[in-house]
Amino acid sequence: MKKKLLTAIFGGMLVLAACGGGDDGGNGGGEESASGGGDTGQGEELYQQNCASCHGGDLSGGAGPALEGVGDSYDASEIVDIIQNGKGSMPAQNVEEGDAQEIADWLVQQ
């Protein structure tokens, strides 16, 4: 019984560690697209670095829920808030506000 519990706890810690990491401090040099019309490739790259381990590289989900069509339910500012503050079982992420905005702008277009 203890062995199963320890295995479950260890597995949970691995999942949380995978979802919580990824802030390399780099922004690719630009602070542009806070209002949207910038390079969506930056948002996708940031998503892959910070979110894909839990939400899937193709937005299909995994440890976290699928994000396909997330823009139908949330606008970019709501997504930024979720990234920075967490929601439900998703913990707050250590992502700079500009990067969170890039990710959110990209997600609402998917």
PDB file of N, CA and C in Angstrom:
ATOM      1  N   MET A   1       0.826  -1.192   0.000  1.00  0.00           N
ATOM      2  CA  MET A   1       0.000   0.000   0.000  1.00  0.00           C
ATOM      3  C   MET A   1       0.871   1.257   0.000  1.00  0.00           C
ATOM      4  N   LYS A   2       1.908   1.272   0.870  1.00  0.00           N
ATOM      5  CA  LYS A   2       2.798   2.427   0.929  1.00  0.00           C
ATOM      6  C   LYS A   2       3.552   2.602  -0.387  1.00  0.00           C
ATOM      7  N   LYS A   3       3.896   1.496  -1.013  1.00  0.00           N
ATOM      8  CA  LYS A   3       4.632   1.558  -2.267  1.00  0.00           C
ATOM      9  C   LYS A   3       3.785   2.216  -3.356  1.00  0.00           C
ATOM     10  N   LYS A   4       2.497   1.877  -3.407  1.00  0.00           N
ATOM     11  CA  LYS A   4       1.602   2.486  -4.396  1.00  0.00           C
ATOM     12  C   LYS A   4       1.435   3.977  -4.125  1.00  0.00           C
ATOM     13  N   LEU A   5       1.299   4.342  -2.866  1.00  0.00           N
ATOM     14  CA  LEU A   5       1.138   5.745  -2.502  1.00  0.00           C
ATOM     15  C   LEU A   5       2.384   6.545  -2.878  1.00  0.00           C
ATOM     16  N   LEU A   6       3.553   6.008  -2.559  1.00  0.00           N
ATOM     17  CA  LEU A   6       4.794   6.697  -2.907  1.00  0.00           C
ATOM     18  C   LEU A   6       4.951   6.829  -4.416  1.00  0.00           C
ATOM     19  N   THR A   7       4.569   5.805  -5.150  1.00  0.00           N
ATOM     20  CA  THR A   7       4.639   5.859  -6.604  1.00  0.00           C
ATOM     21  C   THR A   7       3.705   6.932  -7.144  1.00  0.00           C
ATOM     22  N   ALA A   8       2.500   7.020  -6.606  1.00  0.00           N
ATOM     23  CA  ALA A   8       1.535   8.031  -7.047  1.00  0.00           C
ATOM     24  C   ALA A   8       2.031   9.438  -6.721  1.00  0.00           C
ATOM     25  N   ILE A   9       2.582   9.623  -5.538  1.00  0.00           N
ATOM     26  CA  ILE A   9       3.099  10.939  -5.151  1.00  0.00           C
ATOM     27  C   ILE A   9       4.269  11.330  -6.045  1.00  0.00           C
ATOM     28  N   PHE A  10       5.174  10.416  -6.269  1.00  0.00           N
ATOM     29  CA  PHE A  10       6.328  10.693  -7.124  1.00  0.00           C
ATOM     30  C   PHE A  10       5.881  11.033  -8.540  1.00  0.00           C
ATOM     31  N   GLY A  11       4.925  10.286  -9.069  1.00  0.00           N
ATOM     32  CA  GLY A  11       4.399  10.558 -10.412  1.00  0.00           C
ATOM     33  C   GLY A  11       3.755  11.929 -10.492  1.00  0.00           C
ATOM     34  N   GLY A  12       3.002  12.285  -9.474  1.00  0.00           N
ATOM     35  CA  GLY A  12       2.374  13.606  -9.437  1.00  0.00           C
ATOM     36  C   GLY A  12       3.402  14.725  -9.401  1.00  0.00           C
ATOM     37  N   MET A  13       4.463  14.506  -8.641  1.00  0.00           N
ATOM     38  CA  MET A  13       5.519  15.514  -8.572  1.00  0.00           C
ATOM     39  C   MET A  13       6.197  15.684  -9.925  1.00  0.00           C
ATOM     40  N   LEU A  14       6.395  14.604 -10.647  1.00  0.00           N
ATOM     41  CA  LEU A  14       6.998  14.692 -11.974  1.00  0.00           C
ATOM     42  C   LEU A  14       6.122  15.497 -12.925  1.00  0.00           C
ATOM     43  N   VAL A  15       4.816  15.254 -12.881  1.00  0.00           N
ATOM     44  CA  VAL A  15       3.891  15.983 -13.748  1.00  0.00           C
ATOM     45  C   VAL A  15       3.928  17.471 -13.425  1.00  0.00           C
ATOM     46  N   LEU A  16       3.877  17.821 -12.144  1.00  0.00           N
ATOM     47  CA  LEU A  16       3.922  19.229 -11.756  1.00  0.00           C
ATOM     48  C   LEU A  16       5.246  19.880 -12.140  1.00  0.00           C
ATOM     49  N   ALA A  17       6.334  19.158 -11.990  1.00  0.00           N
ATOM     50  CA  ALA A  17       7.633  19.708 -12.364  1.00  0.00           C
ATOM     51  C   ALA A  17       7.705  19.961 -13.864  1.00  0.00           C
ATOM     52  N   ALA A  18       7.145  19.066 -14.654  1.00  0.00           N
ATOM     53  CA  ALA A  18       7.162  19.236 -16.106  1.00  0.00           C
ATOM     54  C   ALA A  18       6.322  20.425 -16.536  1.00  0.00           C
ATOM     55  N   CYS A  19       5.219  20.672 -15.864  1.00  0.00           N
ATOM     56  CA  CYS A  19       4.340  21.788 -16.225  1.00  0.00           C
ATOM     57  C   CYS A  19       4.850  23.116 -15.703  1.00  0.00           C
ATOM     58  N   GLY A  20       5.626  23.121 -14.652  1.00  0.00           N
ATOM     59  CA  GLY A  20       6.032  24.360 -14.016  1.00  0.00           C
ATOM     60  C   GLY A  20       7.303  24.969 -14.558  1.00  0.00           C
ATOM     61  N   GLY A  21       8.113  24.253 -15.267  1.00  0.00           N
ATOM     62  CA  GLY A  21       9.392  24.770 -15.715  1.00  0.00           C
ATOM     63  C   GLY A  21       9.313  25.418 -17.076  1.00  0.00           C
ATOM     64  N   GLY A  22      10.455  25.895 -17.540  1.00  0.00           N
ATOM     65  CA  GLY A  22      10.524  26.357 -18.902  1.00  0.00           C
ATOM     66  C   GLY A  22      10.821  27.829 -19.085  1.00  0.00           C
ATOM     67  N   ASP A  23      10.929  28.636 -18.028  1.00  0.00           N
ATOM     68  CA  ASP A  23      11.216  30.044 -18.224  1.00  0.00           C
ATOM     69  C   ASP A  23      12.712  30.215 -18.351  1.00  0.00           C
ATOM     70  N   ASP A  24      13.182  30.406 -19.582  1.00  0.00           N
ATOM     71  CA  ASP A  24      14.605  30.563 -19.794  1.00  0.00           C
ATOM     72  C   ASP A  24      15.030  32.024 -19.742  1.00  0.00           C
ATOM     73  N   GLY A  25      14.086  32.935 -19.469  1.00  0.00           N
ATOM     74  CA  GLY A  25      14.415  34.340 -19.344  1.00  0.00           C
ATOM     75  C   GLY A  25      14.589  35.046 -20.667  1.00  0.00           C
ATOM     76  N   GLY A  26      14.710  34.322 -21.759  1.00  0.00           N
ATOM     77  CA  GLY A  26      14.882  34.934 -23.067  1.00  0.00           C
ATOM     78  C   GLY A  26      13.555  35.313 -23.678  1.00  0.00           C
ATOM     79  N   ASN A  27      13.573  36.402 -24.431  1.00  0.00           N
ATOM     80  CA  ASN A  27      12.347  36.837 -25.083  1.00  0.00           C
ATOM     81  C   ASN A  27      12.569  36.955 -26.573  1.00  0.00           C
ATOM     82  N   GLY A  28      13.684  36.468 -27.064  1.00  0.00           N
ATOM     83  CA  GLY A  28      13.939  36.558 -28.481  1.00  0.00           C
ATOM     84  C   GLY A  28      14.269  37.975 -28.922  1.00  0.00           C
ATOM     85  N   GLY A  29      14.460  38.897 -27.973  1.00  0.00           N
ATOM     86  CA  GLY A  29      14.870  40.232 -28.306  1.00  0.00           C
ATOM     87  C   GLY A  29      13.752  41.231 -28.488  1.00  0.00           C
ATOM     88  N   GLY A  30      12.512  40.824 -28.736  1.00  0.00           N
ATOM     89  CA  GLY A  30      11.463  41.788 -29.036  1.00  0.00           C
ATOM     90  C   GLY A  30      10.389  41.830 -27.986  1.00  0.00           C
ATOM     91  N   GLU A  31       9.913  43.037 -27.697  1.00  0.00           N
ATOM     92  CA  GLU A  31       8.788  43.217 -26.784  1.00  0.00           C
ATOM     93  C   GLU A  31       7.587  43.688 -27.573  1.00  0.00           C
ATOM     94  N   GLU A  32       7.558  43.444 -28.859  1.00  0.00           N
ATOM     95  CA  GLU A  32       6.539  44.002 -29.711  1.00  0.00           C
ATOM     96  C   GLU A  32       5.169  43.485 -29.408  1.00  0.00           C
ATOM     97  N   SER A  33       4.666  42.571 -29.907  1.00  0.00           N
ATOM     98  CA  SER A  33       3.310  42.075 -30.041  1.00  0.00           C
ATOM     99  C   SER A  33       2.450  41.981 -28.793  1.00  0.00           C
ATOM    100  N   ALA A  34       2.526  42.928 -27.870  1.00  0.00           N
ATOM    101  CA  ALA A  34       1.627  42.883 -26.721  1.00  0.00           C
ATOM    102  C   ALA A  34       0.191  43.173 -27.131  1.00  0.00           C
ATOM    103  N   SER A  35      -0.002  43.812 -28.261  1.00  0.00           N
ATOM    104  CA  SER A  35      -1.357  44.125 -28.691  1.00  0.00           C
ATOM    105  C   SER A  35      -1.874  43.161 -29.739  1.00  0.00           C
ATOM    106  N   GLY A  36      -1.119  42.170 -30.078  1.00  0.00           N
ATOM    107  CA  GLY A  36      -1.656  41.215 -31.028  1.00  0.00           C
ATOM    108  C   GLY A  36      -0.906  41.169 -32.320  1.00  0.00           C
ATOM    109  N   GLY A  37      -0.888  42.085 -33.191  1.00  0.00           N
ATOM    110  CA  GLY A  37      -0.491  41.945 -34.572  1.00  0.00           C
ATOM    111  C   GLY A  37       0.943  41.555 -34.825  1.00  0.00           C
ATOM    112  N   GLY A  38       1.627  40.914 -33.906  1.00  0.00           N
ATOM    113  CA  GLY A  38       3.022  40.568 -34.091  1.00  0.00           C
ATOM    114  C   GLY A  38       3.222  39.191 -34.673  1.00  0.00           C
ATOM    115  N   ASP A  39       4.395  38.664 -34.448  1.00  0.00           N
ATOM    116  CA  ASP A  39       4.816  37.381 -34.984  1.00  0.00           C
ATOM    117  C   ASP A  39       4.200  36.244 -34.182  1.00  0.00           C
ATOM    118  N   THR A  40       3.263  35.529 -34.795  1.00  0.00           N
ATOM    119  CA  THR A  40       2.612  34.431 -34.083  1.00  0.00           C
ATOM    120  C   THR A  40       3.547  33.246 -33.904  1.00  0.00           C
ATOM    121  N   GLY A  41       4.648  33.196 -34.659  1.00  0.00           N
ATOM    122  CA  GLY A  41       5.625  32.138 -34.471  1.00  0.00           C
ATOM    123  C   GLY A  41       6.253  32.206 -33.088  1.00  0.00           C
ATOM    124  N   GLN A  42       6.419  33.416 -32.564  1.00  0.00           N
ATOM    125  CA  GLN A  42       6.954  33.598 -31.210  1.00  0.00           C
ATOM    126  C   GLN A  42       6.009  32.977 -30.189  1.00  0.00           C
ATOM    127  N   GLY A  43       4.711  33.214 -30.332  1.00  0.00           N
ATOM    128  CA  GLY A  43       3.730  32.644 -29.409  1.00  0.00           C
ATOM    129  C   GLY A  43       3.739  31.132 -29.447  1.00  0.00           C
ATOM    130  N   GLU A  44       3.843  30.580 -30.646  1.00  0.00           N
ATOM    131  CA  GLU A  44       3.871  29.122 -30.772  1.00  0.00           C
ATOM    132  C   GLU A  44       5.139  28.547 -30.147  1.00  0.00           C
ATOM    133  N   GLU A  45       6.257  29.212 -30.384  1.00  0.00           N
ATOM    134  CA  GLU A  45       7.522  28.749 -29.799  1.00  0.00           C
ATOM    135  C   GLU A  45       7.463  28.792 -28.270  1.00  0.00           C
ATOM    136  N   LEU A  46       6.928  29.880 -27.726  1.00  0.00           N
ATOM    137  CA  LEU A  46       6.795  29.997 -26.272  1.00  0.00           C
ATOM    138  C   LEU A  46       5.834  28.951 -25.720  1.00  0.00           C
ATOM    139  N   TYR A  47       4.752  28.670 -26.458  1.00  0.00           N
ATOM    140  CA  TYR A  47       3.817  27.620 -26.048  1.00  0.00           C
ATOM    141  C   TYR A  47       4.550  26.281 -25.968  1.00  0.00           C
ATOM    142  N   GLN A  48       5.331  25.965 -26.994  1.00  0.00           N
ATOM    143  CA  GLN A  48       6.050  24.687 -27.016  1.00  0.00           C
ATOM    144  C   GLN A  48       7.025  24.590 -25.843  1.00  0.00           C
ATOM    145  N   GLN A  49       7.669  25.694 -25.488  1.00  0.00           N
ATOM    146  CA  GLN A  49       8.643  25.697 -24.395  1.00  0.00           C
ATOM    147  C   GLN A  49       7.988  25.610 -23.018  1.00  0.00           C
ATOM    148  N   ASN A  50       6.817  26.222 -22.859  1.00  0.00           N
ATOM    149  CA  ASN A  50       6.240  26.390 -21.528  1.00  0.00           C
ATOM    150  C   ASN A  50       4.975  25.593 -21.259  1.00  0.00           C
ATOM    151  N   CYS A  51       4.256  25.192 -22.287  1.00  0.00           N
ATOM    152  CA  CYS A  51       2.911  24.641 -22.089  1.00  0.00           C
ATOM    153  C   CYS A  51       2.714  23.237 -22.657  1.00  0.00           C
ATOM    154  N   ALA A  52       3.463  22.921 -23.711  1.00  0.00           N
ATOM    155  CA  ALA A  52       3.213  21.684 -24.447  1.00  0.00           C
ATOM    156  C   ALA A  52       3.421  20.428 -23.608  1.00  0.00           C
ATOM    157  N   SER A  53       4.275  20.490 -22.596  1.00  0.00           N
ATOM    158  CA  SER A  53       4.520  19.289 -21.796  1.00  0.00           C
ATOM    159  C   SER A  53       3.258  18.823 -21.083  1.00  0.00           C
ATOM    160  N   CYS A  54       2.344  19.726 -20.768  1.00  0.00           N
ATOM    161  CA  CYS A  54       1.088  19.352 -20.107  1.00  0.00           C
ATOM    162  C   CYS A  54      -0.108  19.380 -21.056  1.00  0.00           C
ATOM    163  N   HIS A  55      -0.121  20.329 -21.990  1.00  0.00           N
ATOM    164  CA  HIS A  55      -1.294  20.513 -22.848  1.00  0.00           C
ATOM    165  C   HIS A  55      -1.120  19.910 -24.235  1.00  0.00           C
ATOM    166  N   GLY A  56       0.025  19.313 -24.511  1.00  0.00           N
ATOM    167  CA  GLY A  56       0.265  18.654 -25.782  1.00  0.00           C
ATOM    168  C   GLY A  56       0.815  19.603 -26.830  1.00  0.00           C
ATOM    169  N   GLY A  57       1.757  19.119 -27.602  1.00  0.00           N
ATOM    170  CA  GLY A  57       2.354  19.925 -28.659  1.00  0.00           C
ATOM    171  C   GLY A  57       1.367  20.329 -29.728  1.00  0.00           C
ATOM    172  N   ASP A  58       0.293  19.554 -29.866  1.00  0.00           N
ATOM    173  CA  ASP A  58      -0.744  19.854 -30.861  1.00  0.00           C
ATOM    174  C   ASP A  58      -2.038  20.335 -30.206  1.00  0.00           C
ATOM    175  N   LEU A  59      -1.962  20.787 -28.956  1.00  0.00           N
ATOM    176  CA  LEU A  59      -3.098  21.315 -28.178  1.00  0.00           C
ATOM    177  C   LEU A  59      -4.117  20.253 -27.793  1.00  0.00           C
ATOM    178  N   SER A  60      -3.788  18.978 -27.994  1.00  0.00           N
ATOM    179  CA  SER A  60      -4.762  17.905 -27.766  1.00  0.00           C
ATOM    180  C   SER A  60      -4.877  17.484 -26.305  1.00  0.00           C
ATOM    181  N   GLY A  61      -4.044  18.028 -25.445  1.00  0.00           N
ATOM    182  CA  GLY A  61      -4.121  17.702 -24.028  1.00  0.00           C
ATOM    183  C   GLY A  61      -3.152  16.615 -23.632  1.00  0.00           C
ATOM    184  N   GLY A  62      -3.121  16.344 -22.367  1.00  0.00           N
ATOM    185  CA  GLY A  62      -2.236  15.351 -21.772  1.00  0.00           C
ATOM    186  C   GLY A  62      -2.497  15.383 -20.287  1.00  0.00           C
ATOM    187  N   ALA A  63      -1.488  15.792 -19.514  1.00  0.00           N
ATOM    188  CA  ALA A  63      -1.694  15.974 -18.074  1.00  0.00           C
ATOM    189  C   ALA A  63      -2.654  17.136 -17.824  1.00  0.00           C
ATOM    190  N   GLY A  64      -2.636  18.121 -18.721  1.00  0.00           N
ATOM    191  CA  GLY A  64      -3.572  19.244 -18.665  1.00  0.00           C
ATOM    192  C   GLY A  64      -4.628  19.079 -19.743  1.00  0.00           C
ATOM    193  N   PRO A  65      -5.674  19.901 -19.706  1.00  0.00           N
ATOM    194  CA  PRO A  65      -6.752  19.767 -20.690  1.00  0.00           C
ATOM    195  C   PRO A  65      -6.325  20.185 -22.091  1.00  0.00           C
ATOM    196  N   ALA A  66      -7.068  19.724 -23.084  1.00  0.00           N
ATOM    197  CA  ALA A  66      -6.855  20.137 -24.465  1.00  0.00           C
ATOM    198  C   ALA A  66      -7.136  21.632 -24.585  1.00  0.00           C
ATOM    199  N   LEU A  67      -6.377  22.299 -25.431  1.00  0.00           N
ATOM    200  CA  LEU A  67      -6.562  23.734 -25.629  1.00  0.00           C
ATOM    201  C   LEU A  67      -7.041  24.061 -27.041  1.00  0.00           C
ATOM    202  N   GLU A  68      -7.453  23.047 -27.785  1.00  0.00           N
ATOM    203  CA  GLU A  68      -8.003  23.287 -29.119  1.00  0.00           C
ATOM    204  C   GLU A  68      -9.254  24.150 -28.984  1.00  0.00           C
ATOM    205  N   GLY A  69      -9.312  25.247 -29.698  1.00  0.00           N
ATOM    206  CA  GLY A  69     -10.479  26.123 -29.648  1.00  0.00           C
ATOM    207  C   GLY A  69     -10.631  26.895 -28.358  1.00  0.00           C
ATOM    208  N   VAL A  70      -9.567  27.034 -27.576  1.00  0.00           N
ATOM    209  CA  VAL A  70      -9.660  27.732 -26.292  1.00  0.00           C
ATOM    210  C   VAL A  70     -10.083  29.188 -26.482  1.00  0.00           C
ATOM    211  N   GLY A  71      -9.786  29.763 -27.651  1.00  0.00           N
ATOM    212  CA  GLY A  71     -10.185  31.132 -27.942  1.00  0.00           C
ATOM    213  C   GLY A  71     -11.688  31.312 -28.053  1.00  0.00           C
ATOM    214  N   ASP A  72     -12.432  30.212 -28.210  1.00  0.00           N
ATOM    215  CA  ASP A  72     -13.894  30.288 -28.237  1.00  0.00           C
ATOM    216  C   ASP A  72     -14.464  30.503 -26.839  1.00  0.00           C
ATOM    217  N   SER A  73     -13.699  30.126 -25.816  1.00  0.00           N
ATOM    218  CA  SER A  73     -14.166  30.232 -24.430  1.00  0.00           C
ATOM    219  C   SER A  73     -13.524  31.375 -23.658  1.00  0.00           C
ATOM    220  N   TYR A  74     -12.299  31.737 -24.016  1.00  0.00           N
ATOM    221  CA  TYR A  74     -11.553  32.759 -23.284  1.00  0.00           C
ATOM    222  C   TYR A  74     -10.933  33.745 -24.264  1.00  0.00           C
ATOM    223  N   ASP A  75     -10.860  35.026 -23.857  1.00  0.00           N
ATOM    224  CA  ASP A  75     -10.113  35.983 -24.668  1.00  0.00           C
ATOM    225  C   ASP A  75      -8.663  35.995 -24.178  1.00  0.00           C
ATOM    226  N   ALA A  76      -7.813  36.727 -24.887  1.00  0.00           N
ATOM    227  CA  ALA A  76      -6.379  36.702 -24.585  1.00  0.00           C
ATOM    228  C   ALA A  76      -6.077  37.166 -23.162  1.00  0.00           C
ATOM    229  N   SER A  77      -6.789  38.188 -22.674  1.00  0.00           N
ATOM    230  CA  SER A  77      -6.498  38.674 -21.318  1.00  0.00           C
ATOM    231  C   SER A  77      -6.858  37.631 -20.261  1.00  0.00           C
ATOM    232  N   GLU A  78      -7.918  36.859 -20.501  1.00  0.00           N
ATOM    233  CA  GLU A  78      -8.287  35.793 -19.562  1.00  0.00           C
ATOM    234  C   GLU A  78      -7.247  34.678 -19.576  1.00  0.00           C
ATOM    235  N   ILE A  79      -6.721  34.372 -20.755  1.00  0.00           N
ATOM    236  CA  ILE A  79      -5.691  33.332 -20.860  1.00  0.00           C
ATOM    237  C   ILE A  79      -4.416  33.782 -20.148  1.00  0.00           C
ATOM    238  N   VAL A  80      -4.036  35.049 -20.315  1.00  0.00           N
ATOM    239  CA  VAL A  80      -2.866  35.581 -19.602  1.00  0.00           C
ATOM    240  C   VAL A  80      -3.065  35.431 -18.097  1.00  0.00           C
ATOM    241  N   ASP A  81      -4.261  35.760 -17.612  1.00  0.00           N
ATOM    242  CA  ASP A  81      -4.555  35.640 -16.180  1.00  0.00           C
ATOM    243  C   ASP A  81      -4.420  34.192 -15.711  1.00  0.00           C
ATOM    244  N   ILE A  82      -4.904  33.254 -16.504  1.00  0.00           N
ATOM    245  CA  ILE A  82      -4.802  31.834 -16.141  1.00  0.00           C
ATOM    246  C   ILE A  82      -3.338  31.399 -16.112  1.00  0.00           C
ATOM    247  N   ILE A  83      -2.549  31.836 -17.102  1.00  0.00           N
ATOM    248  CA  ILE A  83      -1.129  31.482 -17.133  1.00  0.00           C
ATOM    249  C   ILE A  83      -0.424  32.014 -15.887  1.00  0.00           C
ATOM    250  N   GLN A  84      -0.685  33.263 -15.545  1.00  0.00           N
ATOM    251  CA  GLN A  84       0.040  33.898 -14.446  1.00  0.00           C
ATOM    252  C   GLN A  84      -0.464  33.499 -13.066  1.00  0.00           C
ATOM    253  N   ASN A  85      -1.753  33.204 -12.935  1.00  0.00           N
ATOM    254  CA  ASN A  85      -2.331  32.936 -11.615  1.00  0.00           C
ATOM    255  C   ASN A  85      -2.818  31.508 -11.420  1.00  0.00           C
ATOM    256  N   GLY A  86      -2.859  30.724 -12.489  1.00  0.00           N
ATOM    257  CA  GLY A  86      -3.362  29.366 -12.400  1.00  0.00           C
ATOM    258  C   GLY A  86      -4.878  29.333 -12.370  1.00  0.00           C
ATOM    259  N   LYS A  87      -5.425  28.138 -12.536  1.00  0.00           N
ATOM    260  CA  LYS A  87      -6.873  27.945 -12.472  1.00  0.00           C
ATOM    261  C   LYS A  87      -7.124  26.460 -12.246  1.00  0.00           C
ATOM    262  N   GLY A  88      -8.007  26.145 -11.322  1.00  0.00           N
ATOM    263  CA  GLY A  88      -8.290  24.744 -11.025  1.00  0.00           C
ATOM    264  C   GLY A  88      -7.024  24.045 -10.566  1.00  0.00           C
ATOM    265  N   SER A  89      -6.685  22.942 -11.210  1.00  0.00           N
ATOM    266  CA  SER A  89      -5.492  22.193 -10.815  1.00  0.00           C
ATOM    267  C   SER A  89      -4.221  22.706 -11.485  1.00  0.00           C
ATOM    268  N   MET A  90      -4.343  23.692 -12.385  1.00  0.00           N
ATOM    269  CA  MET A  90      -3.155  24.254 -13.027  1.00  0.00           C
ATOM    270  C   MET A  90      -2.524  25.295 -12.108  1.00  0.00           C
ATOM    271  N   PRO A  91      -1.253  25.106 -11.763  1.00  0.00           N
ATOM    272  CA  PRO A  91      -0.588  26.107 -10.922  1.00  0.00           C
ATOM    273  C   PRO A  91      -0.192  27.335 -11.742  1.00  0.00           C
ATOM    274  N   ALA A  92       0.043  28.443 -11.064  1.00  0.00           N
ATOM    275  CA  ALA A  92       0.562  29.642 -11.722  1.00  0.00           C
ATOM    276  C   ALA A  92       1.900  29.303 -12.370  1.00  0.00           C
ATOM    277  N   GLN A  93       2.137  29.880 -13.538  1.00  0.00           N
ATOM    278  CA  GLN A  93       3.365  29.596 -14.268  1.00  0.00           C
ATOM    279  C   GLN A  93       4.342  30.755 -14.131  1.00  0.00           C
ATOM    280  N   ASN A  94       5.613  30.449 -14.134  1.00  0.00           N
ATOM    281  CA  ASN A  94       6.669  31.449 -14.040  1.00  0.00           C
ATOM    282  C   ASN A  94       7.028  31.909 -15.452  1.00  0.00           C
ATOM    283  N   VAL A  95       6.112  32.671 -16.052  1.00  0.00           N
ATOM    284  CA  VAL A  95       6.284  33.171 -17.411  1.00  0.00           C
ATOM    285  C   VAL A  95       6.135  34.687 -17.357  1.00  0.00           C
ATOM    286  N   GLU A  96       7.060  35.403 -17.978  1.00  0.00           N
ATOM    287  CA  GLU A  96       6.976  36.857 -17.998  1.00  0.00           C
ATOM    288  C   GLU A  96       5.682  37.296 -18.675  1.00  0.00           C
ATOM    289  N   GLU A  97       5.164  38.464 -18.271  1.00  0.00           N
ATOM    290  CA  GLU A  97       3.875  38.930 -18.784  1.00  0.00           C
ATOM    291  C   GLU A  97       3.879  39.070 -20.307  1.00  0.00           C
ATOM    292  N   GLY A  98       4.949  39.589 -20.875  1.00  0.00           N
ATOM    293  CA  GLY A  98       5.029  39.724 -22.332  1.00  0.00           C
ATOM    294  C   GLY A  98       4.970  38.376 -23.027  1.00  0.00           C
ATOM    295  N   ASP A  99       5.648  37.379 -22.461  1.00  0.00           N
ATOM    296  CA  ASP A  99       5.623  36.036 -23.031  1.00  0.00           C
ATOM    297  C   ASP A  99       4.244  35.407 -22.870  1.00  0.00           C
ATOM    298  N   ALA A 100       3.625  35.622 -21.715  1.00  0.00           N
ATOM    299  CA  ALA A 100       2.269  35.102 -21.500  1.00  0.00           C
ATOM    300  C   ALA A 100       1.304  35.712 -22.508  1.00  0.00           C
ATOM    301  N   GLN A 101       1.483  36.998 -22.821  1.00  0.00           N
ATOM    302  CA  GLN A 101       0.626  37.661 -23.808  1.00  0.00           C
ATOM    303  C   GLN A 101       0.838  37.060 -25.191  1.00  0.00           C
ATOM    304  N   GLU A 102       2.092  36.788 -25.553  1.00  0.00           N
ATOM    305  CA  GLU A 102       2.397  36.154 -26.846  1.00  0.00           C
ATOM    306  C   GLU A 102       1.709  34.794 -26.950  1.00  0.00           C
ATOM    307  N   ILE A 103       1.812  34.000 -25.890  1.00  0.00           N
ATOM    308  CA  ILE A 103       1.177  32.678 -25.873  1.00  0.00           C
ATOM    309  C   ILE A 103      -0.329  32.829 -26.013  1.00  0.00           C
ATOM    310  N   ALA A 104      -0.915  33.743 -25.246  1.00  0.00           N
ATOM    311  CA  ALA A 104      -2.368  33.938 -25.270  1.00  0.00           C
ATOM    312  C   ALA A 104      -2.839  34.402 -26.642  1.00  0.00           C
ATOM    313  N   ASP A 105      -2.123  35.351 -27.247  1.00  0.00           N
ATOM    314  CA  ASP A 105      -2.501  35.834 -28.579  1.00  0.00           C
ATOM    315  C   ASP A 105      -2.470  34.699 -29.595  1.00  0.00           C
ATOM    316  N   TRP A 106      -1.478  33.831 -29.478  1.00  0.00           N
ATOM    317  CA  TRP A 106      -1.382  32.694 -30.392  1.00  0.00           C
ATOM    318  C   TRP A 106      -2.511  31.695 -30.135  1.00  0.00           C
ATOM    319  N   LEU A 107      -2.785  31.408 -28.856  1.00  0.00           N
ATOM    320  CA  LEU A 107      -3.822  30.424 -28.520  1.00  0.00           C
ATOM    321  C   LEU A 107      -5.209  30.835 -29.005  1.00  0.00           C
ATOM    322  N   VAL A 108      -5.557  32.120 -28.909  1.00  0.00           N
ATOM    323  CA  VAL A 108      -6.906  32.525 -29.332  1.00  0.00           C
ATOM    324  C   VAL A 108      -7.097  32.372 -30.834  1.00  0.00           C
ATOM    325  N   GLN A 109      -6.005  32.281 -31.584  1.00  0.00           N
ATOM    326  CA  GLN A 109      -6.090  32.095 -33.034  1.00  0.00           C
ATOM    327  C   GLN A 109      -6.163  30.627 -33.434  1.00  0.00           C
ATOM    328  N   GLN A 110      -5.986  29.727 -32.494  1.00  0.00           N
ATOM    329  CA  GLN A 110      -5.948  28.293 -32.816  1.00  0.00           C
ATOM    330  C   GLN A 110      -7.329  27.678 -32.810  1.00  0.00           C
TER     331      GLN A 110
END
